[in-house]
Amino acid sequence: MGTGSEYEHEAFLSMWLSRSVFPGTCFSNCNFSVALAPAVLASIYKDMGLLRRSMAASTQMEDSHNFLVLTLWFPLCYVQVWAWERLPTLHSRPNFMNLGELRLARWEGLKKSDIGNVRPVIDYAGETFIWQPYALAVDN
């Protein structure tokens, strides 16, 4: 630290990402040298498009014994947390956050919603949609 090296900032970001953003063994020794947000978003959008097309194709299948094989690579948990953060009607009360925990801890082990079709909830969210959930105060 304090060397002024151009790699100092990258080293700090790699350490922070591996310990805070991606805690666990699979990311503990990674060297991150590119911005992750564009890559993650691109993967999410690509696979959500694939999922939508596959769902549409499955409605056109004549034989009910046929099925489509679909492999998705995007982190679905991020999409789910995005929806829970912005649409309060989709979830029960989030967990209490302990000091120093990631915001994702609010949603760990949350009871599954009884809502079968979320489309009407999204379509009629209106004023209940939270545009900037990270700007709001949370418990602790």
N, C-alpha and C. Protein backbone atom coordinates (compact mmCIF):
# COMPACT_ATOMS: atom_id res chain seq x y z
N MET A 1 0.83 -1.20 0.00
CA MET A 1 0.00 0.00 0.00
C MET A 1 0.86 1.25 0.00
N GLY A 2 0.35 2.27 -0.65
CA GLY A 2 1.05 3.53 -0.66
C GLY A 2 2.24 3.58 -1.60
N THR A 3 2.39 2.59 -2.47
CA THR A 3 3.54 2.57 -3.36
C THR A 3 3.34 3.46 -4.57
N GLY A 4 2.08 3.79 -4.87
CA GLY A 4 1.80 4.59 -6.04
C GLY A 4 1.78 3.78 -7.32
N SER A 5 1.92 2.49 -7.21
CA SER A 5 1.93 1.62 -8.37
C SER A 5 0.54 1.60 -9.01
N GLU A 6 0.52 1.46 -10.33
CA GLU A 6 -0.77 1.39 -11.03
C GLU A 6 -1.53 0.12 -10.67
N TYR A 7 -0.84 -0.88 -10.14
CA TYR A 7 -1.48 -2.14 -9.80
C TYR A 7 -2.06 -2.13 -8.38
N GLU A 8 -1.74 -1.11 -7.60
CA GLU A 8 -2.22 -1.06 -6.22
C GLU A 8 -3.74 -1.04 -6.17
N HIS A 9 -4.35 -0.21 -7.00
CA HIS A 9 -5.80 -0.11 -7.02
C HIS A 9 -6.43 -1.42 -7.49
N GLU A 10 -5.86 -2.04 -8.52
CA GLU A 10 -6.37 -3.32 -9.01
C GLU A 10 -6.24 -4.41 -7.96
N ALA A 11 -5.13 -4.41 -7.24
CA ALA A 11 -4.93 -5.40 -6.18
C ALA A 11 -5.97 -5.24 -5.08
N PHE A 12 -6.23 -3.99 -4.70
CA PHE A 12 -7.24 -3.74 -3.66
C PHE A 12 -8.61 -4.20 -4.14
N LEU A 13 -8.97 -3.85 -5.39
CA LEU A 13 -10.28 -4.26 -5.91
C LEU A 13 -10.40 -5.78 -5.98
N SER A 14 -9.35 -6.47 -6.39
CA SER A 14 -9.38 -7.93 -6.43
C SER A 14 -9.60 -8.51 -5.04
N MET A 15 -8.89 -7.98 -4.06
CA MET A 15 -9.07 -8.47 -2.70
C MET A 15 -10.49 -8.20 -2.21
N TRP A 16 -10.97 -6.99 -2.44
CA TRP A 16 -12.31 -6.62 -1.98
C TRP A 16 -13.38 -7.48 -2.65
N LEU A 17 -13.27 -7.69 -3.97
CA LEU A 17 -14.23 -8.52 -4.68
C LEU A 17 -14.22 -9.95 -4.17
N SER A 18 -13.04 -10.50 -3.98
CA SER A 18 -12.95 -11.91 -3.58
C SER A 18 -13.38 -12.14 -2.14
N ARG A 19 -13.31 -11.12 -1.30
CA ARG A 19 -13.70 -11.31 0.11
C ARG A 19 -15.08 -10.78 0.44
N SER A 20 -15.55 -9.78 -0.27
CA SER A 20 -16.82 -9.15 0.09
C SER A 20 -17.93 -9.40 -0.91
N VAL A 21 -17.64 -9.27 -2.18
CA VAL A 21 -18.68 -9.40 -3.19
C VAL A 21 -18.93 -10.85 -3.55
N PHE A 22 -17.85 -11.62 -3.70
CA PHE A 22 -17.96 -13.03 -4.04
C PHE A 22 -17.34 -13.89 -2.95
N PRO A 23 -17.89 -13.85 -1.73
CA PRO A 23 -17.28 -14.68 -0.68
C PRO A 23 -17.47 -16.15 -1.00
N GLY A 24 -16.50 -16.95 -0.76
CA GLY A 24 -16.56 -18.37 -1.05
C GLY A 24 -15.26 -18.82 -1.69
N THR A 25 -15.14 -20.10 -1.85
CA THR A 25 -13.87 -20.66 -2.32
C THR A 25 -13.63 -20.45 -3.80
N CYS A 26 -14.68 -20.39 -4.62
CA CYS A 26 -14.45 -20.34 -6.06
C CYS A 26 -13.84 -19.02 -6.52
N PHE A 27 -14.02 -17.95 -5.77
CA PHE A 27 -13.48 -16.66 -6.19
C PHE A 27 -12.34 -16.19 -5.29
N SER A 28 -11.92 -17.00 -4.36
CA SER A 28 -10.97 -16.52 -3.38
C SER A 28 -9.59 -16.22 -3.94
N ASN A 29 -9.21 -16.83 -5.05
CA ASN A 29 -7.88 -16.59 -5.60
C ASN A 29 -7.92 -16.01 -7.02
N CYS A 30 -9.00 -15.32 -7.35
CA CYS A 30 -9.13 -14.78 -8.72
C CYS A 30 -8.37 -13.48 -8.87
N ASN A 31 -7.94 -13.24 -10.07
CA ASN A 31 -7.32 -11.97 -10.42
C ASN A 31 -8.29 -11.24 -11.34
N PHE A 32 -8.94 -10.20 -10.84
CA PHE A 32 -9.91 -9.45 -11.62
C PHE A 32 -9.20 -8.28 -12.28
N SER A 33 -9.21 -8.24 -13.59
CA SER A 33 -8.55 -7.14 -14.27
C SER A 33 -9.50 -6.39 -15.20
N VAL A 34 -10.79 -6.75 -15.19
CA VAL A 34 -11.78 -6.07 -16.02
C VAL A 34 -12.97 -5.70 -15.16
N ALA A 35 -13.76 -4.76 -15.62
CA ALA A 35 -14.99 -4.39 -14.92
C ALA A 35 -15.97 -5.56 -15.03
N LEU A 36 -16.55 -5.94 -13.91
CA LEU A 36 -17.44 -7.09 -13.90
C LEU A 36 -18.88 -6.74 -14.24
N ALA A 37 -19.35 -5.55 -13.91
CA ALA A 37 -20.76 -5.21 -14.10
C ALA A 37 -21.20 -5.39 -15.56
N PRO A 38 -20.48 -4.87 -16.55
CA PRO A 38 -20.94 -5.07 -17.94
C PRO A 38 -21.00 -6.54 -18.33
N ALA A 39 -20.04 -7.33 -17.88
CA ALA A 39 -20.03 -8.75 -18.23
C ALA A 39 -21.19 -9.49 -17.57
N VAL A 40 -21.45 -9.18 -16.31
CA VAL A 40 -22.56 -9.83 -15.60
C VAL A 40 -23.89 -9.43 -16.24
N LEU A 41 -24.05 -8.13 -16.51
CA LEU A 41 -25.30 -7.68 -17.14
C LEU A 41 -25.48 -8.29 -18.53
N ALA A 42 -24.43 -8.36 -19.30
CA ALA A 42 -24.52 -8.96 -20.63
C ALA A 42 -24.94 -10.42 -20.53
N SER A 43 -24.38 -11.13 -19.57
CA SER A 43 -24.73 -12.53 -19.38
C SER A 43 -26.19 -12.68 -18.94
N ILE A 44 -26.62 -11.81 -18.04
CA ILE A 44 -28.01 -11.86 -17.59
C ILE A 44 -28.97 -11.60 -18.75
N TYR A 45 -28.72 -10.53 -19.52
CA TYR A 45 -29.60 -10.20 -20.64
C TYR A 45 -29.61 -11.28 -21.71
N LYS A 46 -28.45 -11.83 -22.00
CA LYS A 46 -28.35 -12.88 -23.01
C LYS A 46 -29.15 -14.10 -22.59
N ASP A 47 -28.96 -14.55 -21.36
CA ASP A 47 -29.65 -15.74 -20.91
C ASP A 47 -31.14 -15.50 -20.66
N MET A 48 -31.51 -14.29 -20.24
CA MET A 48 -32.94 -14.01 -20.09
C MET A 48 -33.63 -14.02 -21.44
N GLY A 49 -32.96 -13.54 -22.48
CA GLY A 49 -33.51 -13.63 -23.83
C GLY A 49 -33.67 -15.07 -24.27
N LEU A 50 -32.66 -15.90 -23.97
CA LEU A 50 -32.73 -17.32 -24.29
C LEU A 50 -33.87 -17.99 -23.52
N LEU A 51 -34.00 -17.64 -22.26
CA LEU A 51 -35.08 -18.20 -21.44
C LEU A 51 -36.45 -17.81 -22.01
N ARG A 52 -36.61 -16.55 -22.39
CA ARG A 52 -37.88 -16.09 -22.95
C ARG A 52 -38.20 -16.83 -24.25
N ARG A 53 -37.21 -16.96 -25.13
CA ARG A 53 -37.44 -17.67 -26.39
C ARG A 53 -37.76 -19.14 -26.15
N SER A 54 -37.11 -19.75 -25.18
CA SER A 54 -37.37 -21.17 -24.88
C SER A 54 -38.76 -21.37 -24.30
N MET A 55 -39.17 -20.42 -23.45
CA MET A 55 -40.52 -20.51 -22.88
C MET A 55 -41.57 -20.37 -23.98
N ALA A 56 -41.34 -19.45 -24.92
CA ALA A 56 -42.27 -19.28 -26.03
C ALA A 56 -42.29 -20.53 -26.91
N ALA A 57 -41.13 -21.12 -27.15
CA ALA A 57 -41.06 -22.33 -27.97
C ALA A 57 -41.76 -23.50 -27.29
N SER A 58 -41.68 -23.56 -25.96
CA SER A 58 -42.30 -24.68 -25.26
C SER A 58 -43.82 -24.64 -25.36
N THR A 59 -44.40 -23.46 -25.55
CA THR A 59 -45.85 -23.38 -25.69
C THR A 59 -46.31 -23.87 -27.05
N GLN A 60 -45.39 -23.95 -28.02
CA GLN A 60 -45.72 -24.40 -29.37
C GLN A 60 -45.52 -25.91 -29.55
N MET A 61 -44.99 -26.57 -28.52
CA MET A 61 -44.73 -28.01 -28.64
C MET A 61 -46.05 -28.77 -28.59
N GLU A 62 -46.22 -29.69 -29.55
CA GLU A 62 -47.47 -30.43 -29.65
C GLU A 62 -47.49 -31.63 -28.71
N ASP A 63 -46.38 -32.29 -28.55
CA ASP A 63 -46.32 -33.49 -27.70
C ASP A 63 -45.93 -33.07 -26.29
N SER A 64 -46.76 -33.38 -25.31
CA SER A 64 -46.49 -32.99 -23.93
C SER A 64 -45.34 -33.78 -23.31
N HIS A 65 -44.90 -34.86 -23.99
CA HIS A 65 -43.80 -35.66 -23.46
C HIS A 65 -42.43 -35.13 -23.90
N ASN A 66 -42.43 -34.21 -24.85
CA ASN A 66 -41.18 -33.58 -25.28
C ASN A 66 -40.80 -32.47 -24.30
N PHE A 67 -39.54 -32.19 -24.22
CA PHE A 67 -39.09 -31.09 -23.38
C PHE A 67 -37.85 -30.47 -23.98
N LEU A 68 -37.61 -29.24 -23.59
CA LEU A 68 -36.44 -28.52 -24.06
C LEU A 68 -35.35 -28.61 -23.02
N VAL A 69 -34.12 -28.74 -23.48
CA VAL A 69 -32.97 -28.68 -22.59
C VAL A 69 -32.42 -27.27 -22.67
N LEU A 70 -32.26 -26.65 -21.53
CA LEU A 70 -31.84 -25.26 -21.47
C LEU A 70 -30.75 -25.11 -20.42
N THR A 71 -29.64 -24.53 -20.82
CA THR A 71 -28.55 -24.27 -19.89
C THR A 71 -28.37 -22.77 -19.77
N LEU A 72 -28.57 -22.26 -18.56
CA LEU A 72 -28.40 -20.84 -18.30
C LEU A 72 -27.15 -20.65 -17.46
N TRP A 73 -26.40 -19.60 -17.74
CA TRP A 73 -25.15 -19.35 -17.04
C TRP A 73 -25.22 -18.14 -16.12
N PHE A 74 -26.25 -17.33 -16.26
CA PHE A 74 -26.29 -16.10 -15.48
C PHE A 74 -26.69 -16.38 -14.04
N PRO A 75 -26.29 -15.51 -13.12
CA PRO A 75 -26.63 -15.69 -11.71
C PRO A 75 -28.08 -15.26 -11.44
N LEU A 76 -29.00 -16.19 -11.50
CA LEU A 76 -30.42 -15.90 -11.31
C LEU A 76 -30.70 -15.24 -9.97
N CYS A 77 -29.89 -15.53 -8.97
CA CYS A 77 -30.12 -14.93 -7.65
C CYS A 77 -30.03 -13.41 -7.71
N TYR A 78 -29.22 -12.85 -8.61
CA TYR A 78 -29.13 -11.40 -8.72
C TYR A 78 -30.42 -10.80 -9.27
N VAL A 79 -31.04 -11.49 -10.22
CA VAL A 79 -32.31 -11.02 -10.77
C VAL A 79 -33.40 -11.10 -9.69
N GLN A 80 -33.39 -12.18 -8.92
CA GLN A 80 -34.37 -12.35 -7.86
C GLN A 80 -34.21 -11.27 -6.79
N VAL A 81 -33.00 -11.01 -6.37
CA VAL A 81 -32.76 -9.97 -5.37
C VAL A 81 -33.12 -8.60 -5.93
N TRP A 82 -32.84 -8.36 -7.21
CA TRP A 82 -33.22 -7.10 -7.84
C TRP A 82 -34.73 -6.90 -7.72
N ALA A 83 -35.50 -7.96 -8.01
CA ALA A 83 -36.96 -7.87 -7.92
C ALA A 83 -37.42 -7.68 -6.48
N TRP A 84 -36.84 -8.41 -5.54
CA TRP A 84 -37.23 -8.28 -4.13
C TRP A 84 -36.94 -6.88 -3.60
N GLU A 85 -35.82 -6.30 -4.00
CA GLU A 85 -35.45 -4.97 -3.53
C GLU A 85 -36.43 -3.91 -4.03
N ARG A 86 -36.97 -4.09 -5.21
CA ARG A 86 -37.78 -3.05 -5.85
C ARG A 86 -39.28 -3.28 -5.78
N LEU A 87 -39.71 -4.51 -5.56
CA LEU A 87 -41.14 -4.83 -5.52
C LEU A 87 -41.49 -5.46 -4.17
N PRO A 88 -41.85 -4.65 -3.19
CA PRO A 88 -42.12 -5.16 -1.84
C PRO A 88 -43.23 -6.20 -1.77
N THR A 89 -44.14 -6.20 -2.73
CA THR A 89 -45.24 -7.16 -2.71
C THR A 89 -44.79 -8.58 -3.08
N LEU A 90 -43.56 -8.74 -3.57
CA LEU A 90 -43.07 -10.06 -3.96
C LEU A 90 -42.44 -10.84 -2.81
N HIS A 91 -42.22 -10.20 -1.68
CA HIS A 91 -41.50 -10.88 -0.60
C HIS A 91 -42.12 -10.57 0.75
N SER A 92 -41.75 -11.41 1.71
CA SER A 92 -42.10 -11.10 3.09
C SER A 92 -41.04 -10.13 3.62
N ARG A 93 -41.07 -9.85 4.87
CA ARG A 93 -40.13 -8.89 5.46
C ARG A 93 -38.70 -9.41 5.36
N PRO A 94 -37.76 -8.57 4.85
CA PRO A 94 -36.36 -9.02 4.73
C PRO A 94 -35.70 -9.21 6.10
N ASN A 95 -34.60 -9.92 6.10
CA ASN A 95 -33.84 -10.18 7.33
C ASN A 95 -33.19 -8.92 7.85
N PHE A 96 -32.89 -8.93 9.13
CA PHE A 96 -32.11 -7.88 9.78
C PHE A 96 -30.66 -8.06 9.35
N MET A 97 -29.99 -6.96 9.01
CA MET A 97 -28.59 -7.03 8.60
C MET A 97 -27.68 -6.77 9.79
N ASN A 98 -26.72 -7.63 9.99
CA ASN A 98 -25.71 -7.40 11.01
C ASN A 98 -24.64 -6.46 10.48
N LEU A 99 -23.97 -5.80 11.37
CA LEU A 99 -22.93 -4.86 10.99
C LEU A 99 -21.88 -5.54 10.12
N GLY A 100 -21.57 -4.96 8.98
CA GLY A 100 -20.54 -5.48 8.09
C GLY A 100 -21.02 -6.53 7.11
N GLU A 101 -22.27 -6.93 7.17
CA GLU A 101 -22.78 -7.94 6.24
C GLU A 101 -23.10 -7.31 4.89
N LEU A 102 -23.04 -8.13 3.87
CA LEU A 102 -23.42 -7.69 2.53
C LEU A 102 -24.93 -7.48 2.48
N ARG A 103 -25.36 -6.62 1.59
CA ARG A 103 -26.79 -6.35 1.46
C ARG A 103 -27.57 -7.62 1.08
N LEU A 104 -26.92 -8.54 0.41
CA LEU A 104 -27.58 -9.80 0.05
C LEU A 104 -28.02 -10.59 1.27
N ALA A 105 -27.41 -10.32 2.42
CA ALA A 105 -27.79 -11.03 3.65
C ALA A 105 -29.24 -10.75 4.03
N ARG A 106 -29.79 -9.64 3.57
CA ARG A 106 -31.20 -9.34 3.85
C ARG A 106 -32.12 -10.42 3.29
N TRP A 107 -31.68 -11.12 2.28
CA TRP A 107 -32.56 -12.04 1.56
C TRP A 107 -32.20 -13.50 1.78
N GLU A 108 -31.17 -13.78 2.54
CA GLU A 108 -30.74 -15.16 2.76
C GLU A 108 -31.81 -15.94 3.53
N GLY A 109 -32.19 -17.08 2.98
CA GLY A 109 -33.15 -17.96 3.63
C GLY A 109 -34.57 -17.41 3.68
N LEU A 110 -34.86 -16.43 2.86
CA LEU A 110 -36.19 -15.83 2.85
C LEU A 110 -37.22 -16.84 2.40
N LYS A 111 -38.37 -16.85 3.06
CA LYS A 111 -39.44 -17.78 2.73
C LYS A 111 -39.94 -17.52 1.31
N LYS A 112 -40.15 -18.58 0.58
CA LYS A 112 -40.62 -18.46 -0.80
C LYS A 112 -42.00 -17.82 -0.83
N SER A 113 -42.20 -16.96 -1.80
CA SER A 113 -43.48 -16.28 -1.96
C SER A 113 -44.55 -17.24 -2.47
N ASP A 114 -45.78 -16.98 -2.10
CA ASP A 114 -46.90 -17.79 -2.58
C ASP A 114 -47.43 -17.32 -3.93
N ILE A 115 -46.85 -16.26 -4.45
CA ILE A 115 -47.30 -15.70 -5.73
C ILE A 115 -46.83 -16.63 -6.85
N GLY A 116 -47.78 -17.15 -7.62
CA GLY A 116 -47.44 -18.05 -8.72
C GLY A 116 -47.00 -17.30 -9.96
N ASN A 117 -47.78 -16.30 -10.36
CA ASN A 117 -47.49 -15.53 -11.56
C ASN A 117 -47.12 -14.12 -11.14
N VAL A 118 -45.87 -13.75 -11.32
CA VAL A 118 -45.40 -12.42 -10.88
C VAL A 118 -45.69 -11.34 -11.90
N ARG A 119 -46.10 -11.71 -13.10
CA ARG A 119 -46.34 -10.72 -14.14
C ARG A 119 -47.34 -9.64 -13.73
N PRO A 120 -48.52 -10.00 -13.15
CA PRO A 120 -49.46 -8.95 -12.72
C PRO A 120 -48.86 -8.04 -11.64
N VAL A 121 -48.05 -8.59 -10.76
CA VAL A 121 -47.42 -7.78 -9.72
C VAL A 121 -46.50 -6.74 -10.36
N ILE A 122 -45.75 -7.16 -11.35
CA ILE A 122 -44.85 -6.23 -12.05
C ILE A 122 -45.64 -5.21 -12.86
N ASP A 123 -46.66 -5.69 -13.57
CA ASP A 123 -47.46 -4.80 -14.42
C ASP A 123 -48.18 -3.71 -13.64
N TYR A 124 -48.63 -4.04 -12.42
CA TYR A 124 -49.42 -3.10 -11.64
C TYR A 124 -48.67 -2.54 -10.43
N ALA A 125 -47.35 -2.59 -10.47
CA ALA A 125 -46.56 -2.10 -9.34
C ALA A 125 -46.76 -0.61 -9.12
N GLY A 126 -46.78 0.15 -10.20
CA GLY A 126 -47.03 1.59 -10.11
C GLY A 126 -46.18 2.30 -9.09
N GLU A 127 -46.83 2.96 -8.16
CA GLU A 127 -46.14 3.77 -7.14
C GLU A 127 -45.40 2.91 -6.11
N THR A 128 -45.71 1.63 -6.03
CA THR A 128 -45.03 0.79 -5.04
C THR A 128 -43.64 0.34 -5.49
N PHE A 129 -43.33 0.54 -6.80
CA PHE A 129 -42.01 0.17 -7.30
C PHE A 129 -40.96 1.10 -6.71
N ILE A 130 -39.90 0.53 -6.15
CA ILE A 130 -38.84 1.32 -5.52
C ILE A 130 -37.70 1.45 -6.52
N TRP A 131 -37.50 2.66 -7.03
CA TRP A 131 -36.51 2.90 -8.08
C TRP A 131 -35.09 2.87 -7.55
N GLN A 132 -34.86 3.33 -6.33
CA GLN A 132 -33.51 3.37 -5.77
C GLN A 132 -33.51 2.75 -4.37
N PRO A 133 -33.60 1.41 -4.29
CA PRO A 133 -33.68 0.78 -2.99
C PRO A 133 -32.41 0.97 -2.15
N TYR A 134 -31.27 1.16 -2.80
CA TYR A 134 -30.03 1.29 -2.06
C TYR A 134 -29.88 2.66 -1.41
N ALA A 135 -30.76 3.60 -1.78
CA ALA A 135 -30.74 4.91 -1.18
C ALA A 135 -31.59 4.97 0.09
N LEU A 136 -32.37 3.93 0.35
CA LEU A 136 -33.22 3.89 1.52
C LEU A 136 -32.50 3.31 2.71
N ALA A 137 -32.87 3.75 3.88
CA ALA A 137 -32.31 3.19 5.10
C ALA A 137 -32.89 1.79 5.32
N VAL A 138 -32.07 0.87 5.78
CA VAL A 138 -32.52 -0.46 6.12
C VAL A 138 -32.24 -0.71 7.59
N ASP A 139 -32.84 -1.78 8.14
CA ASP A 139 -32.56 -2.11 9.54
C ASP A 139 -31.07 -2.31 9.73
N ASN A 140 -30.52 -1.64 10.71
CA ASN A 140 -29.09 -1.68 11.04
C ASN A 140 -28.27 -1.06 9.92
